[in-house]
């Protein structure tokens, strides 16, 4: 389990300013398992709120 200090640091790194809600991750999973995502092969969907871009 992470401490509140670790969670606060993680939130500061997010361009969105917050962590993802489970429903948001679920929508991504639903999309990737749908026929609409048949063009995507061997890709990684980084649901990281922009932390990779924010360093």
C-alpha atoms as a PDB file:
ATOM      1  CA  UNK A   1       0.000   0.000   0.000  1.00  0.00           C
ATOM      2  CA  UNK A   2       1.302   3.461  -0.876  1.00  0.00           C
ATOM      3  CA  UNK A   3       1.567   6.299   1.581  1.00  0.00           C
ATOM      4  CA  UNK A   4      -0.363   9.526   1.093  1.00  0.00           C
ATOM      5  CA  UNK A   5       2.972  11.274   0.404  1.00  0.00           C
ATOM      6  CA  UNK A   6       3.673   8.877  -2.477  1.00  0.00           C
ATOM      7  CA  UNK A   7       0.161   9.334  -3.824  1.00  0.00           C
ATOM      8  CA  UNK A   8       0.493  13.120  -3.602  1.00  0.00           C
ATOM      9  CA  UNK A   9       3.754  13.011  -5.550  1.00  0.00           C
ATOM     10  CA  UNK A  10       2.165  10.807  -8.196  1.00  0.00           C
ATOM     11  CA  UNK A  11      -0.785  13.191  -8.577  1.00  0.00           C
ATOM     12  CA  UNK A  12       1.609  16.131  -9.034  1.00  0.00           C
ATOM     13  CA  UNK A  13       3.247  14.321 -11.954  1.00  0.00           C
ATOM     14  CA  UNK A  14      -0.080  13.862 -13.756  1.00  0.00           C
ATOM     15  CA  UNK A  15      -0.896  16.434 -16.419  1.00  0.00           C
ATOM     16  CA  UNK A  16      -4.532  15.850 -15.526  1.00  0.00           C
ATOM     17  CA  UNK A  17      -3.771  16.629 -11.880  1.00  0.00           C
ATOM     18  CA  UNK A  18      -5.358  13.420 -10.634  1.00  0.00           C
ATOM     19  CA  UNK A  19      -5.159   9.664 -10.873  1.00  0.00           C
ATOM     20  CA  UNK A  20      -7.480   7.762 -13.185  1.00  0.00           C
ATOM     21  CA  UNK A  21     -10.842   6.510 -12.019  1.00  0.00           C
ATOM     22  CA  UNK A  22     -11.461   2.761 -12.439  1.00  0.00           C
ATOM     23  CA  UNK A  23     -14.301   3.560 -14.862  1.00  0.00           C
ATOM     24  CA  UNK A  24     -11.849   5.405 -17.133  1.00  0.00           C
ATOM     25  CA  UNK A  25      -9.524   2.409 -17.278  1.00  0.00           C
ATOM     26  CA  UNK A  26     -12.516   0.128 -17.880  1.00  0.00           C
ATOM     27  CA  UNK A  27     -13.559   2.225 -20.895  1.00  0.00           C
ATOM     28  CA  UNK A  28     -10.092   1.764 -22.382  1.00  0.00           C
ATOM     29  CA  UNK A  29     -10.280  -1.987 -21.833  1.00  0.00           C
ATOM     30  CA  UNK A  30     -13.743  -2.123 -23.414  1.00  0.00           C
ATOM     31  CA  UNK A  31     -12.463  -0.242 -26.447  1.00  0.00           C
ATOM     32  CA  UNK A  32      -9.422  -2.493 -26.856  1.00  0.00           C
ATOM     33  CA  UNK A  33     -11.599  -5.602 -26.710  1.00  0.00           C
ATOM     34  CA  UNK A  34     -14.129  -4.235 -29.194  1.00  0.00           C
ATOM     35  CA  UNK A  35     -14.224  -4.588 -32.971  1.00  0.00           C
ATOM     36  CA  UNK A  36     -13.419  -0.861 -33.205  1.00  0.00           C
ATOM     37  CA  UNK A  37      -9.872  -1.629 -32.059  1.00  0.00           C
ATOM     38  CA  UNK A  38      -9.127  -4.269 -34.687  1.00  0.00           C
ATOM     39  CA  UNK A  39      -6.466  -2.035 -36.264  1.00  0.00           C
ATOM     40  CA  UNK A  40      -4.420  -1.973 -33.041  1.00  0.00           C
ATOM     41  CA  UNK A  41      -1.959  -4.854 -32.804  1.00  0.00           C
ATOM     42  CA  UNK A  42       1.000  -5.156 -30.469  1.00  0.00           C
ATOM     43  CA  UNK A  43       0.477  -1.737 -28.915  1.00  0.00           C
ATOM     44  CA  UNK A  44       0.627  -0.551 -25.333  1.00  0.00           C
ATOM     45  CA  UNK A  45      -2.010   1.870 -24.162  1.00  0.00           C
ATOM     46  CA  UNK A  46      -0.345   4.030 -21.532  1.00  0.00           C
ATOM     47  CA  UNK A  47      -3.151   5.101 -19.216  1.00  0.00           C
ATOM     48  CA  UNK A  48      -0.813   7.258 -17.167  1.00  0.00           C
ATOM     49  CA  UNK A  49      -2.552  10.617 -17.155  1.00  0.00           C
ATOM     50  CA  UNK A  50       0.347  12.195 -19.020  1.00  0.00           C
ATOM     51  CA  UNK A  51       3.025  11.457 -16.418  1.00  0.00           C
ATOM     52  CA  UNK A  52       5.393  10.221 -19.144  1.00  0.00           C
ATOM     53  CA  UNK A  53       5.177  13.610 -20.855  1.00  0.00           C
ATOM     54  CA  UNK A  54       5.529  15.468 -17.560  1.00  0.00           C
ATOM     55  CA  UNK A  55       8.697  13.635 -16.491  1.00  0.00           C
END
